[in-house]
């Protein structure tokens, strides 16, 4: 199942300045695309969207609070 991950900011590399307005399309264990959220949801209308607070980055880097999951 493909998932779009979107946060307030996104780092393309560990040293990159965080950028606003981008989202990441992930299929399985691979990044398939990095593009504006509207572009990805338009191309994949049934895609699951996960929203994160803070900054997403490569190598599973996430700067910000984690989502609380219900049991």
PDB file of N, CA and C in Angstrom:
ATOM      1  N   UNK A   1       0.834  -1.181   0.000  1.00  0.00           N
ATOM      2  CA  UNK A   1       0.000   0.000   0.000  1.00  0.00           C
ATOM      3  C   UNK A   1       0.883   1.250   0.000  1.00  0.00           C
ATOM      4  N   UNK A   2       0.560   2.161  -0.851  1.00  0.00           N
ATOM      5  CA  UNK A   2       1.293   3.436  -0.894  1.00  0.00           C
ATOM      6  C   UNK A   2       0.779   4.373   0.194  1.00  0.00           C
ATOM      7  N   UNK A   3       1.722   5.148   0.743  1.00  0.00           N
ATOM      8  CA  UNK A   3       1.397   6.137   1.768  1.00  0.00           C
ATOM      9  C   UNK A   3       2.121   7.430   1.444  1.00  0.00           C
ATOM     10  N   UNK A   4       1.413   8.544   1.578  1.00  0.00           N
ATOM     11  CA  UNK A   4       2.048   9.853   1.467  1.00  0.00           C
ATOM     12  C   UNK A   4       2.281  10.355   2.886  1.00  0.00           C
ATOM     13  N   UNK A   5       3.527  10.722   3.176  1.00  0.00           N
ATOM     14  CA  UNK A   5       3.880  11.303   4.463  1.00  0.00           C
ATOM     15  C   UNK A   5       4.091  12.798   4.251  1.00  0.00           C
ATOM     16  N   UNK A   6       3.429  13.597   5.074  1.00  0.00           N
ATOM     17  CA  UNK A   6       3.526  15.049   4.954  1.00  0.00           C
ATOM     18  C   UNK A   6       3.709  15.642   6.348  1.00  0.00           C
ATOM     19  N   UNK A   7       4.561  16.634   6.442  1.00  0.00           N
ATOM     20  CA  UNK A   7       4.826  17.323   7.704  1.00  0.00           C
ATOM     21  C   UNK A   7       4.930  18.814   7.428  1.00  0.00           C
ATOM     22  N   UNK A   8       5.126  19.568   8.487  1.00  0.00           N
ATOM     23  CA  UNK A   8       5.290  21.010   8.324  1.00  0.00           C
ATOM     24  C   UNK A   8       6.475  21.320   7.416  1.00  0.00           C
ATOM     25  N   UNK A   9       7.571  20.565   7.615  1.00  0.00           N
ATOM     26  CA  UNK A   9       8.797  20.763   6.841  1.00  0.00           C
ATOM     27  C   UNK A   9       9.372  19.413   6.444  1.00  0.00           C
ATOM     28  N   UNK A  10      10.183  19.408   5.373  1.00  0.00           N
ATOM     29  CA  UNK A  10      10.816  18.189   4.884  1.00  0.00           C
ATOM     30  C   UNK A  10      12.271  18.480   4.550  1.00  0.00           C
ATOM     31  N   UNK A  11      13.166  17.621   5.029  1.00  0.00           N
ATOM     32  CA  UNK A  11      14.588  17.691   4.653  1.00  0.00           C
ATOM     33  C   UNK A  11      14.847  16.630   3.588  1.00  0.00           C
ATOM     34  N   UNK A  12      15.437  17.020   2.471  1.00  0.00           N
ATOM     35  CA  UNK A  12      15.763  16.059   1.419  1.00  0.00           C
ATOM     36  C   UNK A  12      17.048  15.300   1.735  1.00  0.00           C
ATOM     37  N   UNK A  13      17.973  15.933   2.455  1.00  0.00           N
ATOM     38  CA  UNK A  13      19.201  15.289   2.925  1.00  0.00           C
ATOM     39  C   UNK A  13      19.400  15.696   4.375  1.00  0.00           C
ATOM     40  N   UNK A  14      20.313  15.030   5.069  1.00  0.00           N
ATOM     41  CA  UNK A  14      20.563  15.363   6.474  1.00  0.00           C
ATOM     42  C   UNK A  14      21.066  16.791   6.640  1.00  0.00           C
ATOM     43  N   UNK A  15      21.810  17.311   5.644  1.00  0.00           N
ATOM     44  CA  UNK A  15      22.384  18.651   5.717  1.00  0.00           C
ATOM     45  C   UNK A  15      21.516  19.724   5.069  1.00  0.00           C
ATOM     46  N   UNK A  16      20.433  19.329   4.436  1.00  0.00           N
ATOM     47  CA  UNK A  16      19.565  20.248   3.702  1.00  0.00           C
ATOM     48  C   UNK A  16      18.762  21.134   4.652  1.00  0.00           C
ATOM     49  N   UNK A  17      18.495  22.343   4.216  1.00  0.00           N
ATOM     50  CA  UNK A  17      17.579  23.214   4.960  1.00  0.00           C
ATOM     51  C   UNK A  17      16.164  22.658   4.811  1.00  0.00           C
ATOM     52  N   UNK A  18      15.379  22.644   5.873  1.00  0.00           N
ATOM     53  CA  UNK A  18      13.995  22.148   5.771  1.00  0.00           C
ATOM     54  C   UNK A  18      13.177  22.988   4.790  1.00  0.00           C
ATOM     55  N   UNK A  19      12.322  22.309   4.037  1.00  0.00           N
ATOM     56  CA  UNK A  19      11.485  22.966   3.029  1.00  0.00           C
ATOM     57  C   UNK A  19      10.015  22.731   3.338  1.00  0.00           C
ATOM     58  N   UNK A  20       9.217  23.726   3.102  1.00  0.00           N
ATOM     59  CA  UNK A  20       7.763  23.603   3.291  1.00  0.00           C
ATOM     60  C   UNK A  20       7.107  23.187   1.975  1.00  0.00           C
ATOM     61  N   UNK A  21       5.945  22.569   2.093  1.00  0.00           N
ATOM     62  CA  UNK A  21       5.125  22.295   0.913  1.00  0.00           C
ATOM     63  C   UNK A  21       5.423  21.004   0.176  1.00  0.00           C
ATOM     64  N   UNK A  22       6.310  20.161   0.705  1.00  0.00           N
ATOM     65  CA  UNK A  22       6.628  18.905   0.029  1.00  0.00           C
ATOM     66  C   UNK A  22       6.126  17.717   0.833  1.00  0.00           C
ATOM     67  N   UNK A  23       5.849  16.629   0.142  1.00  0.00           N
ATOM     68  CA  UNK A  23       5.414  15.382   0.769  1.00  0.00           C
ATOM     69  C   UNK A  23       6.194  14.236   0.128  1.00  0.00           C
ATOM     70  N   UNK A  24       6.172  13.086   0.788  1.00  0.00           N
ATOM     71  CA  UNK A  24       6.925  11.914   0.329  1.00  0.00           C
ATOM     72  C   UNK A  24       5.953  10.770   0.074  1.00  0.00           C
ATOM     73  N   UNK A  25       6.025  10.187  -1.119  1.00  0.00           N
ATOM     74  CA  UNK A  25       5.226   9.009  -1.462  1.00  0.00           C
ATOM     75  C   UNK A  25       6.084   7.771  -1.216  1.00  0.00           C
ATOM     76  N   UNK A  26       5.584   6.873  -0.355  1.00  0.00           N
ATOM     77  CA  UNK A  26       6.313   5.654  -0.015  1.00  0.00           C
ATOM     78  C   UNK A  26       5.475   4.453  -0.425  1.00  0.00           C
ATOM     79  N   UNK A  27       6.103   3.518  -1.105  1.00  0.00           N
ATOM     80  CA  UNK A  27       5.474   2.257  -1.465  1.00  0.00           C
ATOM     81  C   UNK A  27       6.311   1.126  -0.904  1.00  0.00           C
ATOM     82  N   UNK A  28       5.765   0.365   0.027  1.00  0.00           N
ATOM     83  CA  UNK A  28       6.548  -0.686   0.678  1.00  0.00           C
ATOM     84  C   UNK A  28       7.672  -0.072   1.484  1.00  0.00           C
ATOM     85  N   UNK A  29       8.906  -0.421   1.129  1.00  0.00           N
ATOM     86  CA  UNK A  29      10.063   0.138   1.836  1.00  0.00           C
ATOM     87  C   UNK A  29      10.866   1.089   0.955  1.00  0.00           C
ATOM     88  N   UNK A  30      10.222   1.660  -0.061  1.00  0.00           N
ATOM     89  CA  UNK A  30      10.919   2.548  -1.013  1.00  0.00           C
ATOM     90  C   UNK A  30      10.231   3.901  -1.136  1.00  0.00           C
ATOM     91  N   UNK A  31      11.032   4.949  -1.221  1.00  0.00           N
ATOM     92  CA  UNK A  31      10.520   6.276  -1.552  1.00  0.00           C
ATOM     93  C   UNK A  31      10.296   6.301  -3.058  1.00  0.00           C
ATOM     94  N   UNK A  32       9.072   6.588  -3.469  1.00  0.00           N
ATOM     95  CA  UNK A  32       8.738   6.604  -4.892  1.00  0.00           C
ATOM     96  C   UNK A  32       8.755   8.001  -5.485  1.00  0.00           C
ATOM     97  N   UNK A  33       8.451   9.011  -4.650  1.00  0.00           N
ATOM     98  CA  UNK A  33       8.417  10.379  -5.174  1.00  0.00           C
ATOM     99  C   UNK A  33       8.451  11.381  -4.027  1.00  0.00           C
ATOM    100  N   UNK A  34       8.965  12.556  -4.341  1.00  0.00           N
ATOM    101  CA  UNK A  34       8.900  13.720  -3.451  1.00  0.00           C
ATOM    102  C   UNK A  34       8.324  14.846  -4.297  1.00  0.00           C
ATOM    103  N   UNK A  35       7.188  15.390  -3.855  1.00  0.00           N
ATOM    104  CA  UNK A  35       6.493  16.410  -4.641  1.00  0.00           C
ATOM    105  C   UNK A  35       5.509  17.135  -3.726  1.00  0.00           C
ATOM    106  N   UNK A  36       4.886  18.200  -4.205  1.00  0.00           N
ATOM    107  CA  UNK A  36       3.839  18.846  -3.415  1.00  0.00           C
ATOM    108  C   UNK A  36       2.696  17.861  -3.117  1.00  0.00           C
ATOM    109  N   UNK A  37       2.087  17.995  -1.956  1.00  0.00           N
ATOM    110  CA  UNK A  37       1.031  17.082  -1.524  1.00  0.00           C
ATOM    111  C   UNK A  37      -0.089  16.979  -2.557  1.00  0.00           C
ATOM    112  N   UNK A  38      -0.562  18.099  -3.069  1.00  0.00           N
ATOM    113  CA  UNK A  38      -1.657  18.080  -4.042  1.00  0.00           C
ATOM    114  C   UNK A  38      -1.322  17.308  -5.311  1.00  0.00           C
ATOM    115  N   UNK A  39      -0.068  17.377  -5.715  1.00  0.00           N
ATOM    116  CA  UNK A  39       0.375  16.638  -6.902  1.00  0.00           C
ATOM    117  C   UNK A  39       0.319  15.130  -6.653  1.00  0.00           C
ATOM    118  N   UNK A  40       0.759  14.705  -5.468  1.00  0.00           N
ATOM    119  CA  UNK A  40       0.765  13.276  -5.154  1.00  0.00           C
ATOM    120  C   UNK A  40      -0.640  12.733  -4.944  1.00  0.00           C
ATOM    121  N   UNK A  41      -1.481  13.462  -4.235  1.00  0.00           N
ATOM    122  CA  UNK A  41      -2.851  12.982  -4.025  1.00  0.00           C
ATOM    123  C   UNK A  41      -3.670  13.048  -5.310  1.00  0.00           C
ATOM    124  N   UNK A  42      -3.324  13.960  -6.209  1.00  0.00           N
ATOM    125  CA  UNK A  42      -3.988  14.010  -7.509  1.00  0.00           C
ATOM    126  C   UNK A  42      -3.613  12.824  -8.383  1.00  0.00           C
ATOM    127  N   UNK A  43      -2.354  12.426  -8.325  1.00  0.00           N
ATOM    128  CA  UNK A  43      -1.882  11.291  -9.123  1.00  0.00           C
ATOM    129  C   UNK A  43      -2.313   9.950  -8.527  1.00  0.00           C
ATOM    130  N   UNK A  44      -2.493   9.911  -7.211  1.00  0.00           N
ATOM    131  CA  UNK A  44      -2.875   8.688  -6.498  1.00  0.00           C
ATOM    132  C   UNK A  44      -4.058   9.008  -5.578  1.00  0.00           C
ATOM    133  N   UNK A  45      -5.269   9.137  -6.122  1.00  0.00           N
ATOM    134  CA  UNK A  45      -6.418   9.599  -5.332  1.00  0.00           C
ATOM    135  C   UNK A  45      -6.798   8.690  -4.161  1.00  0.00           C
ATOM    136  N   UNK A  46      -6.455   7.430  -4.199  1.00  0.00           N
ATOM    137  CA  UNK A  46      -6.814   6.491  -3.122  1.00  0.00           C
ATOM    138  C   UNK A  46      -5.690   6.325  -2.095  1.00  0.00           C
ATOM    139  N   UNK A  47      -4.622   7.105  -2.211  1.00  0.00           N
ATOM    140  CA  UNK A  47      -3.465   6.934  -1.340  1.00  0.00           C
ATOM    141  C   UNK A  47      -3.792   7.308   0.107  1.00  0.00           C
ATOM    142  N   UNK A  48      -3.184   6.591   1.038  1.00  0.00           N
ATOM    143  CA  UNK A  48      -3.306   6.918   2.461  1.00  0.00           C
ATOM    144  C   UNK A  48      -2.372   8.087   2.753  1.00  0.00           C
ATOM    145  N   UNK A  49      -2.832   9.074   3.525  1.00  0.00           N
ATOM    146  CA  UNK A  49      -2.024  10.243   3.868  1.00  0.00           C
ATOM    147  C   UNK A  49      -1.784  10.235   5.373  1.00  0.00           C
ATOM    148  N   UNK A  50      -0.508  10.284   5.767  1.00  0.00           N
ATOM    149  CA  UNK A  50      -0.141  10.388   7.183  1.00  0.00           C
ATOM    150  C   UNK A  50       0.454  11.756   7.405  1.00  0.00           C
ATOM    151  N   UNK A  51      -0.083  12.472   8.361  1.00  0.00           N
ATOM    152  CA  UNK A  51       0.387  13.828   8.682  1.00  0.00           C
ATOM    153  C   UNK A  51       1.193  13.791   9.970  1.00  0.00           C
ATOM    154  N   UNK A  52       2.343  14.453   9.935  1.00  0.00           N
ATOM    155  CA  UNK A  52       3.253  14.492  11.067  1.00  0.00           C
ATOM    156  C   UNK A  52       3.520  15.937  11.462  1.00  0.00           C
ATOM    157  N   UNK A  53       3.657  16.173  12.753  1.00  0.00           N
ATOM    158  CA  UNK A  53       4.079  17.487  13.238  1.00  0.00           C
ATOM    159  C   UNK A  53       5.595  17.552  13.167  1.00  0.00           C
ATOM    160  N   UNK A  54       6.141  18.723  12.924  1.00  0.00           N
ATOM    161  CA  UNK A  54       7.591  18.885  12.923  1.00  0.00           C
ATOM    162  C   UNK A  54       8.192  18.752  11.540  1.00  0.00           C
ATOM    163  N   UNK A  55       9.380  18.140  11.491  1.00  0.00           N
ATOM    164  CA  UNK A  55      10.160  18.025  10.255  1.00  0.00           C
ATOM    165  C   UNK A  55      10.449  16.569   9.954  1.00  0.00           C
ATOM    166  N   UNK A  56      10.156  16.133   8.725  1.00  0.00           N
ATOM    167  CA  UNK A  56      10.532  14.790   8.272  1.00  0.00           C
ATOM    168  C   UNK A  56      11.839  14.887   7.515  1.00  0.00           C
ATOM    169  N   UNK A  57      12.616  13.810   7.569  1.00  0.00           N
ATOM    170  CA  UNK A  57      13.876  13.792   6.844  1.00  0.00           C
ATOM    171  C   UNK A  57      14.282  12.381   6.489  1.00  0.00           C
ATOM    172  N   UNK A  58      15.430  12.233   5.828  1.00  0.00           N
ATOM    173  CA  UNK A  58      15.903  10.922   5.411  1.00  0.00           C
ATOM    174  C   UNK A  58      16.340  10.073   6.600  1.00  0.00           C
ATOM    175  N   UNK A  59      16.455   8.776   6.348  1.00  0.00           N
ATOM    176  CA  UNK A  59      16.949   7.823   7.353  1.00  0.00           C
ATOM    177  C   UNK A  59      16.059   7.805   8.589  1.00  0.00           C
ATOM    178  N   UNK A  60      14.757   7.920   8.355  1.00  0.00           N
ATOM    179  CA  UNK A  60      13.773   7.873   9.435  1.00  0.00           C
ATOM    180  C   UNK A  60      13.986   8.967  10.471  1.00  0.00           C
ATOM    181  N   UNK A  61      14.446  10.120  10.028  1.00  0.00           N
ATOM    182  CA  UNK A  61      14.619  11.259  10.923  1.00  0.00           C
ATOM    183  C   UNK A  61      13.298  11.999  11.033  1.00  0.00           C
ATOM    184  N   UNK A  62      12.872  12.259  12.248  1.00  0.00           N
ATOM    185  CA  UNK A  62      11.639  13.005  12.483  1.00  0.00           C
ATOM    186  C   UNK A  62      11.877  13.922  13.658  1.00  0.00           C
ATOM    187  N   UNK A  63      11.880  15.217  13.429  1.00  0.00           N
ATOM    188  CA  UNK A  63      12.041  16.201  14.491  1.00  0.00           C
ATOM    189  C   UNK A  63      10.665  16.727  14.865  1.00  0.00           C
ATOM    190  N   UNK A  64      10.144  16.299  15.979  1.00  0.00           N
ATOM    191  CA  UNK A  64       8.837  16.760  16.417  1.00  0.00           C
ATOM    192  C   UNK A  64       8.149  15.690  17.234  1.00  0.00           C
ATOM    193  N   UNK A  65       6.960  15.989  17.728  1.00  0.00           N
ATOM    194  CA  UNK A  65       6.252  15.014  18.565  1.00  0.00           C
ATOM    195  C   UNK A  65       5.792  13.818  17.743  1.00  0.00           C
ATOM    196  N   UNK A  66       5.766  12.664  18.378  1.00  0.00           N
ATOM    197  CA  UNK A  66       5.267  11.463  17.724  1.00  0.00           C
ATOM    198  C   UNK A  66       3.763  11.374  17.901  1.00  0.00           C
ATOM    199  N   UNK A  67       3.121  10.714  16.949  1.00  0.00           N
ATOM    200  CA  UNK A  67       1.678  10.546  16.981  1.00  0.00           C
ATOM    201  C   UNK A  67       1.333   9.508  18.046  1.00  0.00           C
ATOM    202  N   UNK A  68       0.348   9.812  18.884  1.00  0.00           N
ATOM    203  CA  UNK A  68      -0.112   8.856  19.885  1.00  0.00           C
ATOM    204  C   UNK A  68      -1.093   7.899  19.224  1.00  0.00           C
ATOM    205  N   UNK A  69      -0.852   6.616  19.377  1.00  0.00           N
ATOM    206  CA  UNK A  69      -1.750   5.622  18.789  1.00  0.00           C
ATOM    207  C   UNK A  69      -2.681   5.079  19.863  1.00  0.00           C
ATOM    208  N   UNK A  70      -3.907   4.841  19.477  1.00  0.00           N
ATOM    209  CA  UNK A  70      -4.875   4.252  20.397  1.00  0.00           C
ATOM    210  C   UNK A  70      -4.731   2.743  20.354  1.00  0.00           C
ATOM    211  N   UNK A  71      -4.922   2.131  21.482  1.00  0.00           N
ATOM    212  CA  UNK A  71      -4.823   0.658  21.574  1.00  0.00           C
ATOM    213  C   UNK A  71      -6.032  -0.002  20.981  1.00  0.00           C
TER     214      UNK A  71
END
